Amino acid sequence: MVSARNTKRPTLAFSMFGLGTSKKIARCHLIGHKLNGSNTDLANFVPCYRDPMNNPWMYHNVEAEIQKQVESNTPVLMEVKPVHSQGNPLPASIFVNAVGENGWTCSVVILN
């Protein structure tokens, strides 16, 4: 089950495989900070392009919608899976599936 938090996300300054030095590549949370995803466990991060994956559309249409359900006291079960092409540390996409106990669902594939 997912829970929410309203604290500011800390700066992420750690290195990770596949990140490189390009300003177009970011560290993407699999489970976002606002949904209590870890800010220190590397298993919660994948390298991703800032656009199209790490952008306002993804936050407002996926993470924020899940957060609204959680903050309205609806238990939400969430699954997030990076989908990798062979040998590439950057995922080709990320699959997000969230299901609320009230029947609400959010299922999306976010291309990288």
N, C-alpha and C. Protein backbone atom coordinates (compact mmCIF):
# COMPACT_ATOMS: atom_id res chain seq x y z
N MET A 1 0.84 -1.17 0.00
CA MET A 1 0.00 0.00 0.00
C MET A 1 0.89 1.24 0.00
N VAL A 2 0.41 2.26 -0.66
CA VAL A 2 1.15 3.51 -0.79
C VAL A 2 0.67 4.49 0.27
N SER A 3 1.59 5.27 0.80
CA SER A 3 1.22 6.37 1.69
C SER A 3 1.81 7.65 1.11
N ALA A 4 1.35 8.80 1.60
CA ALA A 4 1.81 10.08 1.06
C ALA A 4 2.58 10.86 2.11
N ARG A 5 3.43 11.77 1.62
CA ARG A 5 4.12 12.69 2.52
C ARG A 5 4.18 14.06 1.86
N ASN A 6 4.27 15.09 2.68
CA ASN A 6 4.26 16.46 2.18
C ASN A 6 5.56 17.19 2.47
N THR A 7 6.64 16.47 2.63
CA THR A 7 7.93 17.11 2.87
C THR A 7 8.61 17.40 1.54
N LYS A 8 9.51 18.37 1.56
CA LYS A 8 10.27 18.71 0.36
C LYS A 8 11.24 17.59 0.04
N ARG A 9 11.37 17.28 -1.24
CA ARG A 9 12.31 16.24 -1.68
C ARG A 9 13.73 16.77 -1.56
N PRO A 10 14.65 15.99 -0.98
CA PRO A 10 16.04 16.44 -0.89
C PRO A 10 16.72 16.40 -2.26
N THR A 11 17.82 17.11 -2.37
CA THR A 11 18.61 17.09 -3.59
C THR A 11 19.21 15.69 -3.76
N LEU A 12 19.14 15.18 -4.97
CA LEU A 12 19.69 13.85 -5.27
C LEU A 12 21.03 14.04 -5.96
N ALA A 13 22.11 13.71 -5.27
CA ALA A 13 23.43 13.96 -5.81
C ALA A 13 24.28 12.70 -5.95
N PHE A 14 23.68 11.54 -5.79
CA PHE A 14 24.46 10.30 -5.87
C PHE A 14 24.64 9.88 -7.33
N SER A 15 25.70 9.11 -7.57
CA SER A 15 25.93 8.60 -8.92
C SER A 15 25.19 7.27 -9.07
N MET A 16 24.88 6.94 -10.31
CA MET A 16 24.25 5.65 -10.58
C MET A 16 24.58 5.22 -12.00
N PHE A 17 24.63 3.92 -12.21
CA PHE A 17 24.95 3.36 -13.51
C PHE A 17 23.96 3.86 -14.55
N GLY A 18 24.47 4.33 -15.70
CA GLY A 18 23.60 4.80 -16.78
C GLY A 18 23.28 6.27 -16.72
N LEU A 19 23.68 6.94 -15.63
CA LEU A 19 23.32 8.35 -15.49
C LEU A 19 24.13 9.22 -16.43
N GLY A 20 25.42 8.99 -16.56
CA GLY A 20 26.26 9.79 -17.45
C GLY A 20 26.34 11.23 -16.99
N THR A 21 26.76 12.09 -17.88
CA THR A 21 26.94 13.51 -17.54
C THR A 21 25.99 14.41 -18.31
N SER A 22 25.12 13.86 -19.12
CA SER A 22 24.20 14.67 -19.91
C SER A 22 23.15 15.31 -19.02
N LYS A 23 22.87 16.58 -19.26
CA LYS A 23 21.82 17.28 -18.51
C LYS A 23 20.43 16.79 -18.93
N LYS A 24 20.37 15.97 -19.99
CA LYS A 24 19.08 15.44 -20.45
C LYS A 24 18.68 14.18 -19.68
N ILE A 25 19.62 13.65 -18.88
CA ILE A 25 19.38 12.43 -18.11
C ILE A 25 19.19 12.79 -16.64
N ALA A 26 18.21 12.17 -16.00
CA ALA A 26 17.92 12.44 -14.59
C ALA A 26 17.84 11.13 -13.81
N ARG A 27 17.71 11.24 -12.50
CA ARG A 27 17.44 10.10 -11.63
C ARG A 27 15.94 10.08 -11.39
N CYS A 28 15.26 9.09 -11.91
CA CYS A 28 13.81 9.02 -11.75
C CYS A 28 13.45 8.05 -10.64
N HIS A 29 12.60 8.51 -9.73
CA HIS A 29 12.04 7.62 -8.71
C HIS A 29 11.09 6.64 -9.40
N LEU A 30 11.13 5.39 -9.01
CA LEU A 30 10.09 4.46 -9.45
C LEU A 30 8.83 4.72 -8.64
N ILE A 31 8.98 4.84 -7.34
CA ILE A 31 7.88 5.30 -6.48
C ILE A 31 8.29 6.68 -6.00
N GLY A 32 7.52 7.68 -6.40
CA GLY A 32 7.87 9.08 -6.16
C GLY A 32 8.00 9.46 -4.70
N HIS A 33 8.73 10.53 -4.47
CA HIS A 33 8.95 11.06 -3.12
C HIS A 33 7.63 11.34 -2.42
N LYS A 34 6.67 11.95 -3.12
CA LYS A 34 5.38 12.29 -2.51
C LYS A 34 4.58 11.06 -2.12
N LEU A 35 4.95 9.90 -2.68
CA LEU A 35 4.27 8.64 -2.35
C LEU A 35 5.13 7.78 -1.42
N ASN A 36 6.04 8.43 -0.71
CA ASN A 36 6.93 7.79 0.25
C ASN A 36 7.97 6.87 -0.37
N GLY A 37 8.28 7.08 -1.66
CA GLY A 37 9.36 6.34 -2.28
C GLY A 37 10.69 6.77 -1.67
N SER A 38 11.62 5.85 -1.56
CA SER A 38 12.91 6.13 -0.94
C SER A 38 13.70 7.15 -1.76
N ASN A 39 14.40 8.02 -1.04
CA ASN A 39 15.31 8.98 -1.66
C ASN A 39 16.76 8.53 -1.57
N THR A 40 16.99 7.35 -0.98
CA THR A 40 18.36 6.87 -0.79
C THR A 40 18.59 5.47 -1.33
N ASP A 41 17.56 4.67 -1.47
CA ASP A 41 17.71 3.29 -1.95
C ASP A 41 17.80 3.29 -3.47
N LEU A 42 18.95 2.89 -4.00
CA LEU A 42 19.15 2.90 -5.46
C LEU A 42 18.15 2.01 -6.19
N ALA A 43 17.57 1.04 -5.50
CA ALA A 43 16.57 0.17 -6.14
C ALA A 43 15.31 0.95 -6.51
N ASN A 44 15.12 2.15 -5.95
CA ASN A 44 13.96 2.97 -6.25
C ASN A 44 14.23 3.98 -7.37
N PHE A 45 15.38 3.88 -8.03
CA PHE A 45 15.74 4.84 -9.07
C PHE A 45 16.15 4.16 -10.35
N VAL A 46 15.86 4.83 -11.46
CA VAL A 46 16.38 4.44 -12.77
C VAL A 46 16.85 5.72 -13.45
N PRO A 47 17.88 5.60 -14.32
CA PRO A 47 18.23 6.77 -15.11
C PRO A 47 17.14 6.98 -16.16
N CYS A 48 16.78 8.23 -16.41
CA CYS A 48 15.72 8.50 -17.39
C CYS A 48 15.97 9.83 -18.07
N TYR A 49 15.38 9.98 -19.23
CA TYR A 49 15.44 11.27 -19.93
C TYR A 49 14.50 12.24 -19.23
N ARG A 50 14.93 13.49 -19.12
CA ARG A 50 14.07 14.52 -18.51
C ARG A 50 12.78 14.68 -19.31
N ASP A 51 12.88 14.54 -20.60
CA ASP A 51 11.70 14.59 -21.45
C ASP A 51 11.82 13.42 -22.41
N PRO A 52 10.91 12.52 -22.44
CA PRO A 52 9.51 12.63 -22.07
C PRO A 52 9.15 12.09 -20.69
N MET A 53 10.07 11.42 -19.96
CA MET A 53 9.65 10.72 -18.75
C MET A 53 9.56 11.61 -17.51
N ASN A 54 10.57 12.35 -17.21
CA ASN A 54 10.64 13.11 -15.96
C ASN A 54 10.13 14.53 -16.22
N ASN A 55 8.81 14.67 -16.35
CA ASN A 55 8.25 15.96 -16.73
C ASN A 55 6.93 16.22 -16.00
N PRO A 56 6.39 17.43 -16.12
CA PRO A 56 5.14 17.76 -15.41
C PRO A 56 3.95 16.88 -15.79
N TRP A 57 3.85 16.43 -17.04
CA TRP A 57 2.73 15.57 -17.43
C TRP A 57 2.70 14.32 -16.55
N MET A 58 3.86 13.68 -16.41
CA MET A 58 3.94 12.45 -15.62
C MET A 58 3.54 12.73 -14.17
N TYR A 59 4.02 13.85 -13.63
CA TYR A 59 3.68 14.15 -12.24
C TYR A 59 2.17 14.40 -12.09
N HIS A 60 1.63 15.31 -12.90
CA HIS A 60 0.23 15.71 -12.74
C HIS A 60 -0.77 14.62 -13.11
N ASN A 61 -0.43 13.78 -14.08
CA ASN A 61 -1.39 12.78 -14.56
C ASN A 61 -1.20 11.40 -13.95
N VAL A 62 -0.10 11.18 -13.28
CA VAL A 62 0.13 9.86 -12.68
C VAL A 62 0.37 10.02 -11.17
N GLU A 63 1.52 10.57 -10.79
CA GLU A 63 1.85 10.65 -9.36
C GLU A 63 0.83 11.45 -8.56
N ALA A 64 0.44 12.62 -9.04
CA ALA A 64 -0.50 13.46 -8.28
C ALA A 64 -1.87 12.80 -8.16
N GLU A 65 -2.29 12.07 -9.20
CA GLU A 65 -3.59 11.38 -9.14
C GLU A 65 -3.56 10.26 -8.11
N ILE A 66 -2.45 9.54 -8.05
CA ILE A 66 -2.31 8.50 -7.03
C ILE A 66 -2.27 9.15 -5.64
N GLN A 67 -1.53 10.23 -5.51
CA GLN A 67 -1.43 10.94 -4.24
C GLN A 67 -2.80 11.42 -3.76
N LYS A 68 -3.64 11.92 -4.67
CA LYS A 68 -5.00 12.37 -4.29
C LYS A 68 -5.80 11.23 -3.67
N GLN A 69 -5.70 10.05 -4.27
CA GLN A 69 -6.42 8.89 -3.74
C GLN A 69 -5.94 8.55 -2.33
N VAL A 70 -4.62 8.52 -2.18
CA VAL A 70 -4.04 8.17 -0.88
C VAL A 70 -4.42 9.20 0.18
N GLU A 71 -4.35 10.48 -0.19
CA GLU A 71 -4.67 11.53 0.78
C GLU A 71 -6.16 11.58 1.13
N SER A 72 -7.00 10.97 0.28
CA SER A 72 -8.43 10.90 0.61
C SER A 72 -8.75 9.62 1.40
N ASN A 73 -7.68 9.00 1.93
CA ASN A 73 -7.79 7.79 2.76
C ASN A 73 -8.26 6.56 2.01
N THR A 74 -8.01 6.53 0.70
CA THR A 74 -8.28 5.34 -0.09
C THR A 74 -7.00 4.50 -0.13
N PRO A 75 -7.01 3.29 0.40
CA PRO A 75 -5.83 2.43 0.25
C PRO A 75 -5.56 2.16 -1.23
N VAL A 76 -4.31 2.31 -1.64
CA VAL A 76 -3.91 2.12 -3.03
C VAL A 76 -2.76 1.13 -3.07
N LEU A 77 -2.90 0.11 -3.90
CA LEU A 77 -1.83 -0.83 -4.17
C LEU A 77 -1.17 -0.39 -5.47
N MET A 78 0.15 -0.23 -5.45
CA MET A 78 0.86 0.33 -6.60
C MET A 78 1.99 -0.59 -7.02
N GLU A 79 2.11 -0.79 -8.33
CA GLU A 79 3.19 -1.58 -8.92
C GLU A 79 3.88 -0.71 -9.96
N VAL A 80 5.21 -0.68 -9.92
CA VAL A 80 5.98 0.10 -10.89
C VAL A 80 7.10 -0.80 -11.41
N LYS A 81 7.20 -0.93 -12.74
CA LYS A 81 8.22 -1.80 -13.33
C LYS A 81 8.94 -1.07 -14.45
N PRO A 82 10.27 -0.94 -14.36
CA PRO A 82 11.01 -0.43 -15.52
C PRO A 82 11.11 -1.54 -16.56
N VAL A 83 11.00 -1.17 -17.83
CA VAL A 83 11.09 -2.13 -18.93
C VAL A 83 12.36 -1.79 -19.71
N HIS A 84 13.34 -2.70 -19.69
CA HIS A 84 14.64 -2.44 -20.32
C HIS A 84 14.77 -3.16 -21.65
N SER A 85 15.45 -2.51 -22.59
CA SER A 85 15.89 -3.18 -23.81
C SER A 85 17.19 -3.90 -23.45
N GLN A 86 17.53 -4.91 -24.20
CA GLN A 86 18.71 -5.71 -23.88
C GLN A 86 19.98 -4.86 -23.82
N GLY A 87 20.66 -4.91 -22.67
CA GLY A 87 21.94 -4.26 -22.51
C GLY A 87 21.90 -2.76 -22.27
N ASN A 88 20.74 -2.15 -22.21
CA ASN A 88 20.65 -0.70 -22.03
C ASN A 88 20.28 -0.39 -20.58
N PRO A 89 21.12 0.41 -19.87
CA PRO A 89 20.79 0.74 -18.48
C PRO A 89 19.60 1.69 -18.36
N LEU A 90 19.28 2.43 -19.43
CA LEU A 90 18.11 3.30 -19.41
C LEU A 90 16.89 2.49 -19.81
N PRO A 91 15.85 2.50 -19.01
CA PRO A 91 14.65 1.75 -19.39
C PRO A 91 14.00 2.36 -20.63
N ALA A 92 13.42 1.52 -21.47
CA ALA A 92 12.68 2.00 -22.64
C ALA A 92 11.37 2.63 -22.20
N SER A 93 10.84 2.13 -21.08
CA SER A 93 9.59 2.65 -20.53
C SER A 93 9.47 2.22 -19.07
N ILE A 94 8.48 2.81 -18.42
CA ILE A 94 8.13 2.40 -17.06
C ILE A 94 6.63 2.13 -17.03
N PHE A 95 6.27 0.97 -16.51
CA PHE A 95 4.87 0.58 -16.38
C PHE A 95 4.42 0.91 -14.96
N VAL A 96 3.33 1.65 -14.84
CA VAL A 96 2.76 2.01 -13.54
C VAL A 96 1.33 1.49 -13.48
N ASN A 97 1.02 0.74 -12.44
CA ASN A 97 -0.34 0.27 -12.23
C ASN A 97 -0.71 0.52 -10.77
N ALA A 98 -1.76 1.29 -10.56
CA ALA A 98 -2.23 1.59 -9.21
C ALA A 98 -3.72 1.29 -9.14
N VAL A 99 -4.13 0.63 -8.06
CA VAL A 99 -5.53 0.24 -7.88
C VAL A 99 -5.96 0.66 -6.48
N GLY A 100 -7.02 1.46 -6.43
CA GLY A 100 -7.57 1.88 -5.15
C GLY A 100 -8.61 0.89 -4.65
N GLU A 101 -8.73 0.80 -3.34
CA GLU A 101 -9.72 -0.09 -2.74
C GLU A 101 -11.14 0.30 -3.15
N ASN A 102 -11.33 1.56 -3.58
CA ASN A 102 -12.64 2.06 -4.00
C ASN A 102 -12.94 1.78 -5.48
N GLY A 103 -12.06 1.05 -6.17
CA GLY A 103 -12.27 0.73 -7.58
C GLY A 103 -11.53 1.65 -8.54
N TRP A 104 -10.94 2.72 -8.04
CA TRP A 104 -10.18 3.65 -8.87
C TRP A 104 -8.95 2.94 -9.42
N THR A 105 -8.57 3.22 -10.67
CA THR A 105 -7.37 2.63 -11.25
C THR A 105 -6.58 3.67 -12.04
N CYS A 106 -5.30 3.44 -12.14
CA CYS A 106 -4.40 4.22 -12.98
C CYS A 106 -3.40 3.23 -13.54
N SER A 107 -3.43 3.04 -14.84
CA SER A 107 -2.51 2.11 -15.49
C SER A 107 -1.93 2.82 -16.70
N VAL A 108 -0.61 2.97 -16.73
CA VAL A 108 0.01 3.75 -17.80
C VAL A 108 1.41 3.21 -18.08
N VAL A 109 1.81 3.31 -19.34
CA VAL A 109 3.18 3.04 -19.75
C VAL A 109 3.78 4.39 -20.13
N ILE A 110 4.84 4.77 -19.44
CA ILE A 110 5.50 6.05 -19.69
C ILE A 110 6.77 5.77 -20.49
N LEU A 111 6.82 6.27 -21.70
CA LEU A 111 7.97 6.03 -22.57
C LEU A 111 9.16 6.86 -22.11
N ASN A 112 10.35 6.30 -22.31
CA ASN A 112 11.58 7.01 -21.95
C ASN A 112 12.25 7.41 -23.24
